[in-house]
């Protein structure tokens, strides 16, 4: 017995239902929502690395114990 014969076809929802032009319009708004002067991590690599390091150290998950670092 084939169970798929009575199943309703999946309807497209959300972004899948939109035409590509509408998706691009929405994506453009998201990319332009933050002014350039507020994108400090994009301009300062050291600042971004420092913030990521702090976040990793304060994280409660992960595999390494505190104080243990990868050597490169």
PDB file of N, CA and C in Angstrom:
ATOM      1  N   UNK A   1       0.840  -1.178   0.000  1.00  0.00           N
ATOM      2  CA  UNK A   1       0.000   0.000   0.000  1.00  0.00           C
ATOM      3  C   UNK A   1       0.880   1.234   0.000  1.00  0.00           C
ATOM      4  N   UNK A   2       0.619   2.122  -0.894  1.00  0.00           N
ATOM      5  CA  UNK A   2       1.403   3.341  -1.037  1.00  0.00           C
ATOM      6  C   UNK A   2       0.747   4.468  -0.241  1.00  0.00           C
ATOM      7  N   UNK A   3       1.448   5.006   0.748  1.00  0.00           N
ATOM      8  CA  UNK A   3       0.880   6.037   1.605  1.00  0.00           C
ATOM      9  C   UNK A   3       0.892   7.421   0.953  1.00  0.00           C
ATOM     10  N   UNK A   4       1.712   7.599  -0.061  1.00  0.00           N
ATOM     11  CA  UNK A   4       1.842   8.911  -0.694  1.00  0.00           C
ATOM     12  C   UNK A   4       0.692   9.257  -1.638  1.00  0.00           C
ATOM     13  N   UNK A   5      -0.146   8.317  -1.966  1.00  0.00           N
ATOM     14  CA  UNK A   5      -1.209   8.603  -2.929  1.00  0.00           C
ATOM     15  C   UNK A   5      -2.252   9.557  -2.372  1.00  0.00           C
ATOM     16  N   UNK A   6      -2.492   9.553  -1.072  1.00  0.00           N
ATOM     17  CA  UNK A   6      -3.496  10.417  -0.462  1.00  0.00           C
ATOM     18  C   UNK A   6      -2.900  11.678   0.163  1.00  0.00           C
ATOM     19  N   UNK A   7      -1.599  11.798   0.158  1.00  0.00           N
ATOM     20  CA  UNK A   7      -0.944  12.955   0.787  1.00  0.00           C
ATOM     21  C   UNK A   7      -1.146  14.207  -0.062  1.00  0.00           C
ATOM     22  N   UNK A   8      -1.351  15.323   0.622  1.00  0.00           N
ATOM     23  CA  UNK A   8      -1.483  16.593  -0.095  1.00  0.00           C
ATOM     24  C   UNK A   8      -0.107  17.053  -0.560  1.00  0.00           C
ATOM     25  N   UNK A   9      -0.028  17.668  -1.723  1.00  0.00           N
ATOM     26  CA  UNK A   9       1.274  18.179  -2.166  1.00  0.00           C
ATOM     27  C   UNK A   9       1.709  19.327  -1.258  1.00  0.00           C
ATOM     28  N   UNK A  10       2.997  19.422  -1.023  1.00  0.00           N
ATOM     29  CA  UNK A  10       3.518  20.484  -0.161  1.00  0.00           C
ATOM     30  C   UNK A  10       3.356  21.829  -0.848  1.00  0.00           C
ATOM     31  N   UNK A  11       2.814  22.774  -0.112  1.00  0.00           N
ATOM     32  CA  UNK A  11       2.701  24.122  -0.678  1.00  0.00           C
ATOM     33  C   UNK A  11       3.929  24.923  -0.271  1.00  0.00           C
ATOM     34  N   UNK A  12       4.347  25.781  -1.144  1.00  0.00           N
ATOM     35  CA  UNK A  12       5.513  26.602  -0.856  1.00  0.00           C
ATOM     36  C   UNK A  12       5.095  27.733   0.063  1.00  0.00           C
ATOM     37  N   UNK A  13       5.921  27.965   1.109  1.00  0.00           N
ATOM     38  CA  UNK A  13       5.604  29.004   2.071  1.00  0.00           C
ATOM     39  C   UNK A  13       6.814  29.907   2.251  1.00  0.00           C
ATOM     40  N   UNK A  14       6.594  31.075   2.830  1.00  0.00           N
ATOM     41  CA  UNK A  14       7.684  31.982   3.146  1.00  0.00           C
ATOM     42  C   UNK A  14       8.455  32.423   1.923  1.00  0.00           C
ATOM     43  N   UNK A  15       9.783  32.397   2.040  1.00  0.00           N
ATOM     44  CA  UNK A  15      10.640  32.862   0.949  1.00  0.00           C
ATOM     45  C   UNK A  15      10.521  31.970  -0.286  1.00  0.00           C
ATOM     46  N   UNK A  16      10.223  30.707  -0.093  1.00  0.00           N
ATOM     47  CA  UNK A  16      10.095  29.797  -1.236  1.00  0.00           C
ATOM     48  C   UNK A  16       8.925  30.183  -2.133  1.00  0.00           C
ATOM     49  N   UNK A  17       7.905  30.802  -1.560  1.00  0.00           N
ATOM     50  CA  UNK A  17       6.733  31.182  -2.342  1.00  0.00           C
ATOM     51  C   UNK A  17       6.919  32.515  -3.068  1.00  0.00           C
ATOM     52  N   UNK A  18       7.947  33.268  -2.679  1.00  0.00           N
ATOM     53  CA  UNK A  18       8.166  34.589  -3.285  1.00  0.00           C
ATOM     54  C   UNK A  18       8.943  34.472  -4.583  1.00  0.00           C
ATOM     55  N   UNK A  19       8.742  35.454  -5.433  1.00  0.00           N
ATOM     56  CA  UNK A  19       9.550  35.470  -6.648  1.00  0.00           C
ATOM     57  C   UNK A  19      10.949  35.997  -6.297  1.00  0.00           C
ATOM     58  N   UNK A  20      11.951  35.673  -7.089  1.00  0.00           N
ATOM     59  CA  UNK A  20      13.331  36.060  -6.779  1.00  0.00           C
ATOM     60  C   UNK A  20      13.526  37.565  -6.590  1.00  0.00           C
ATOM     61  N   UNK A  21      12.778  38.349  -7.343  1.00  0.00           N
ATOM     62  CA  UNK A  21      12.914  39.807  -7.218  1.00  0.00           C
ATOM     63  C   UNK A  21      12.492  40.284  -5.833  1.00  0.00           C
ATOM     64  N   UNK A  22      11.409  39.736  -5.300  1.00  0.00           N
ATOM     65  CA  UNK A  22      10.925  40.104  -3.962  1.00  0.00           C
ATOM     66  C   UNK A  22      11.913  39.651  -2.887  1.00  0.00           C
ATOM     67  N   UNK A  23      12.501  38.470  -3.050  1.00  0.00           N
ATOM     68  CA  UNK A  23      13.507  37.991  -2.090  1.00  0.00           C
ATOM     69  C   UNK A  23      14.713  38.913  -2.068  1.00  0.00           C
ATOM     70  N   UNK A  24      15.168  39.345  -3.243  1.00  0.00           N
ATOM     71  CA  UNK A  24      16.313  40.272  -3.314  1.00  0.00           C
ATOM     72  C   UNK A  24      15.989  41.592  -2.635  1.00  0.00           C
ATOM     73  N   UNK A  25      14.770  42.070  -2.812  1.00  0.00           N
ATOM     74  CA  UNK A  25      14.355  43.332  -2.197  1.00  0.00           C
ATOM     75  C   UNK A  25      14.421  43.238  -0.665  1.00  0.00           C
ATOM     76  N   UNK A  26      13.937  42.144  -0.121  1.00  0.00           N
ATOM     77  CA  UNK A  26      13.965  41.951   1.326  1.00  0.00           C
ATOM     78  C   UNK A  26      15.400  41.798   1.814  1.00  0.00           C
ATOM     79  N   UNK A  27      16.226  41.054   1.104  1.00  0.00           N
ATOM     80  CA  UNK A  27      17.627  40.869   1.493  1.00  0.00           C
ATOM     81  C   UNK A  27      18.385  42.185   1.462  1.00  0.00           C
ATOM     82  N   UNK A  28      18.084  43.021   0.495  1.00  0.00           N
ATOM     83  CA  UNK A  28      18.744  44.323   0.381  1.00  0.00           C
ATOM     84  C   UNK A  28      18.432  45.184   1.604  1.00  0.00           C
ATOM     85  N   UNK A  29      17.190  45.129   2.083  1.00  0.00           N
ATOM     86  CA  UNK A  29      16.808  45.908   3.260  1.00  0.00           C
ATOM     87  C   UNK A  29      17.572  45.438   4.496  1.00  0.00           C
ATOM     88  N   UNK A  30      17.766  44.136   4.628  1.00  0.00           N
ATOM     89  CA  UNK A  30      18.504  43.598   5.767  1.00  0.00           C
ATOM     90  C   UNK A  30      19.959  44.028   5.751  1.00  0.00           C
ATOM     91  N   UNK A  31      20.563  44.042   4.581  1.00  0.00           N
ATOM     92  CA  UNK A  31      21.964  44.438   4.470  1.00  0.00           C
ATOM     93  C   UNK A  31      22.169  45.914   4.702  1.00  0.00           C
ATOM     94  N   UNK A  32      21.152  46.718   4.446  1.00  0.00           N
ATOM     95  CA  UNK A  32      21.277  48.164   4.589  1.00  0.00           C
ATOM     96  C   UNK A  32      20.749  48.662   5.924  1.00  0.00           C
ATOM     97  N   UNK A  33      20.325  47.755   6.806  1.00  0.00           N
ATOM     98  CA  UNK A  33      19.694  48.185   8.053  1.00  0.00           C
ATOM     99  C   UNK A  33      20.685  48.774   9.057  1.00  0.00           C
ATOM    100  N   UNK A  34      21.961  48.421   8.940  1.00  0.00           N
ATOM    101  CA  UNK A  34      22.965  48.925   9.868  1.00  0.00           C
ATOM    102  C   UNK A  34      23.886  49.893   9.127  1.00  0.00           C
ATOM    103  N   UNK A  35      24.004  51.124   9.621  1.00  0.00           N
ATOM    104  CA  UNK A  35      24.885  52.081   8.948  1.00  0.00           C
ATOM    105  C   UNK A  35      26.353  51.662   9.049  1.00  0.00           C
ATOM    106  N   UNK A  36      27.147  52.107   8.116  1.00  0.00           N
ATOM    107  CA  UNK A  36      28.556  51.728   8.056  1.00  0.00           C
ATOM    108  C   UNK A  36      29.348  52.032   9.310  1.00  0.00           C
ATOM    109  N   UNK A  37      29.054  53.141   9.961  1.00  0.00           N
ATOM    110  CA  UNK A  37      29.815  53.490  11.169  1.00  0.00           C
ATOM    111  C   UNK A  37      29.509  52.566  12.345  1.00  0.00           C
ATOM    112  N   UNK A  38      28.435  51.804  12.249  1.00  0.00           N
ATOM    113  CA  UNK A  38      28.074  50.866  13.318  1.00  0.00           C
ATOM    114  C   UNK A  38      28.656  49.477  13.090  1.00  0.00           C
ATOM    115  N   UNK A  39      29.273  49.254  11.941  1.00  0.00           N
ATOM    116  CA  UNK A  39      29.828  47.938  11.616  1.00  0.00           C
ATOM    117  C   UNK A  39      31.299  47.881  12.012  1.00  0.00           C
ATOM    118  N   UNK A  40      31.538  47.946  13.302  1.00  0.00           N
ATOM    119  CA  UNK A  40      32.916  48.029  13.768  1.00  0.00           C
ATOM    120  C   UNK A  40      33.702  46.748  13.521  1.00  0.00           C
ATOM    121  N   UNK A  41      33.070  45.590  13.602  1.00  0.00           N
ATOM    122  CA  UNK A  41      33.794  44.344  13.398  1.00  0.00           C
ATOM    123  C   UNK A  41      34.256  44.196  11.957  1.00  0.00           C
ATOM    124  N   UNK A  42      33.507  44.744  11.031  1.00  0.00           N
ATOM    125  CA  UNK A  42      33.888  44.656   9.625  1.00  0.00           C
ATOM    126  C   UNK A  42      35.121  45.507   9.342  1.00  0.00           C
ATOM    127  N   UNK A  43      35.324  46.541  10.123  1.00  0.00           N
ATOM    128  CA  UNK A  43      36.450  47.441   9.902  1.00  0.00           C
ATOM    129  C   UNK A  43      37.681  47.059  10.716  1.00  0.00           C
ATOM    130  N   UNK A  44      37.486  46.437  11.866  1.00  0.00           N
ATOM    131  CA  UNK A  44      38.597  46.169  12.778  1.00  0.00           C
ATOM    132  C   UNK A  44      38.676  44.668  13.090  1.00  0.00           C
ATOM    133  N   UNK A  45      39.565  43.993  12.405  1.00  0.00           N
ATOM    134  CA  UNK A  45      39.696  42.547  12.561  1.00  0.00           C
ATOM    135  C   UNK A  45      40.122  42.161  13.978  1.00  0.00           C
ATOM    136  N   UNK A  46      41.015  42.936  14.582  1.00  0.00           N
ATOM    137  CA  UNK A  46      41.468  42.634  15.940  1.00  0.00           C
ATOM    138  C   UNK A  46      40.337  42.754  16.954  1.00  0.00           C
ATOM    139  N   UNK A  47      39.480  43.749  16.770  1.00  0.00           N
ATOM    140  CA  UNK A  47      38.323  43.918  17.651  1.00  0.00           C
ATOM    141  C   UNK A  47      37.387  42.720  17.528  1.00  0.00           C
ATOM    142  N   UNK A  48      37.161  42.268  16.318  1.00  0.00           N
ATOM    143  CA  UNK A  48      36.295  41.101  16.100  1.00  0.00           C
ATOM    144  C   UNK A  48      36.905  39.851  16.734  1.00  0.00           C
ATOM    145  N   UNK A  49      38.201  39.665  16.572  1.00  0.00           N
ATOM    146  CA  UNK A  49      38.870  38.502  17.155  1.00  0.00           C
ATOM    147  C   UNK A  49      38.803  38.536  18.677  1.00  0.00           C
ATOM    148  N   UNK A  50      38.981  39.715  19.240  1.00  0.00           N
ATOM    149  CA  UNK A  50      38.914  39.872  20.688  1.00  0.00           C
ATOM    150  C   UNK A  50      37.517  39.540  21.207  1.00  0.00           C
ATOM    151  N   UNK A  51      36.508  40.027  20.524  1.00  0.00           N
ATOM    152  CA  UNK A  51      35.126  39.757  20.938  1.00  0.00           C
ATOM    153  C   UNK A  51      34.808  38.268  20.828  1.00  0.00           C
ATOM    154  N   UNK A  52      35.261  37.637  19.771  1.00  0.00           N
ATOM    155  CA  UNK A  52      35.034  36.206  19.609  1.00  0.00           C
ATOM    156  C   UNK A  52      35.739  35.396  20.684  1.00  0.00           C
ATOM    157  N   UNK A  53      36.935  35.812  21.037  1.00  0.00           N
ATOM    158  CA  UNK A  53      37.686  35.129  22.087  1.00  0.00           C
ATOM    159  C   UNK A  53      36.961  35.241  23.416  1.00  0.00           C
ATOM    160  N   UNK A  54      36.475  36.433  23.737  1.00  0.00           N
ATOM    161  CA  UNK A  54      35.746  36.635  24.991  1.00  0.00           C
ATOM    162  C   UNK A  54      34.479  35.783  25.023  1.00  0.00           C
ATOM    163  N   UNK A  55      33.777  35.739  23.906  1.00  0.00           N
ATOM    164  CA  UNK A  55      32.566  34.922  23.843  1.00  0.00           C
ATOM    165  C   UNK A  55      32.874  33.451  24.024  1.00  0.00           C
ATOM    166  N   UNK A  56      33.947  32.986  23.417  1.00  0.00           N
ATOM    167  CA  UNK A  56      34.331  31.586  23.557  1.00  0.00           C
ATOM    168  C   UNK A  56      34.756  31.233  24.965  1.00  0.00           C
ATOM    169  N   UNK A  57      35.417  32.167  25.628  1.00  0.00           N
ATOM    170  CA  UNK A  57      35.852  31.910  27.000  1.00  0.00           C
ATOM    171  C   UNK A  57      34.676  31.861  27.961  1.00  0.00           C
ATOM    172  N   UNK A  58      33.645  32.662  27.709  1.00  0.00           N
ATOM    173  CA  UNK A  58      32.510  32.698  28.622  1.00  0.00           C
ATOM    174  C   UNK A  58      31.457  31.654  28.279  1.00  0.00           C
ATOM    175  N   UNK A  59      31.643  30.963  27.162  1.00  0.00           N
ATOM    176  CA  UNK A  59      30.687  29.943  26.746  1.00  0.00           C
ATOM    177  C   UNK A  59      30.697  28.785  27.722  1.00  0.00           C
ATOM    178  N   UNK A  60      29.532  28.249  27.969  1.00  0.00           N
ATOM    179  CA  UNK A  60      29.432  27.103  28.884  1.00  0.00           C
ATOM    180  C   UNK A  60      29.523  25.781  28.132  1.00  0.00           C
ATOM    181  N   UNK A  61      29.445  25.827  26.819  1.00  0.00           N
ATOM    182  CA  UNK A  61      29.533  24.599  26.023  1.00  0.00           C
ATOM    183  C   UNK A  61      30.940  24.414  25.495  1.00  0.00           C
ATOM    184  N   UNK A  62      31.082  23.535  24.540  1.00  0.00           N
ATOM    185  CA  UNK A  62      32.387  23.338  23.916  1.00  0.00           C
ATOM    186  C   UNK A  62      33.106  22.142  24.489  1.00  0.00           C
ATOM    187  N   UNK A  63      34.274  21.871  23.997  1.00  0.00           N
ATOM    188  CA  UNK A  63      34.987  20.685  24.432  1.00  0.00           C
ATOM    189  C   UNK A  63      36.185  20.961  25.309  1.00  0.00           C
ATOM    190  N   UNK A  64      36.761  22.128  25.201  1.00  0.00           N
ATOM    191  CA  UNK A  64      37.983  22.415  25.955  1.00  0.00           C
ATOM    192  C   UNK A  64      37.655  23.013  27.312  1.00  0.00           C
ATOM    193  N   UNK A  65      38.499  22.723  28.266  1.00  0.00           N
ATOM    194  CA  UNK A  65      38.314  23.322  29.590  1.00  0.00           C
ATOM    195  C   UNK A  65      38.949  24.701  29.611  1.00  0.00           C
ATOM    196  N   UNK A  66      38.604  25.490  30.590  1.00  0.00           N
ATOM    197  CA  UNK A  66      39.140  26.847  30.688  1.00  0.00           C
ATOM    198  C   UNK A  66      40.662  26.832  30.782  1.00  0.00           C
ATOM    199  N   UNK A  67      41.272  27.791  30.155  1.00  0.00           N
ATOM    200  CA  UNK A  67      42.714  27.907  30.203  1.00  0.00           C
ATOM    201  C   UNK A  67      43.433  27.084  29.148  1.00  0.00           C
ATOM    202  N   UNK A  68      42.745  26.154  28.561  1.00  0.00           N
ATOM    203  CA  UNK A  68      43.349  25.314  27.538  1.00  0.00           C
ATOM    204  C   UNK A  68      43.126  25.957  26.177  1.00  0.00           C
ATOM    205  N   UNK A  69      44.178  26.191  25.447  1.00  0.00           N
ATOM    206  CA  UNK A  69      44.075  26.865  24.150  1.00  0.00           C
ATOM    207  C   UNK A  69      44.721  26.013  23.068  1.00  0.00           C
ATOM    208  N   UNK A  70      44.236  26.194  21.847  1.00  0.00           N
ATOM    209  CA  UNK A  70      44.867  25.536  20.703  1.00  0.00           C
ATOM    210  C   UNK A  70      46.114  26.302  20.316  1.00  0.00           C
ATOM    211  N   UNK A  71      47.170  25.602  20.048  1.00  0.00           N
ATOM    212  CA  UNK A  71      48.394  26.262  19.602  1.00  0.00           C
ATOM    213  C   UNK A  71      48.470  26.157  18.092  1.00  0.00           C
ATOM    214  N   UNK A  72      48.843  27.280  17.462  1.00  0.00           N
ATOM    215  CA  UNK A  72      48.919  27.250  15.998  1.00  0.00           C
ATOM    216  C   UNK A  72      50.332  27.358  15.527  1.00  0.00           C
TER     217      UNK A  72
END
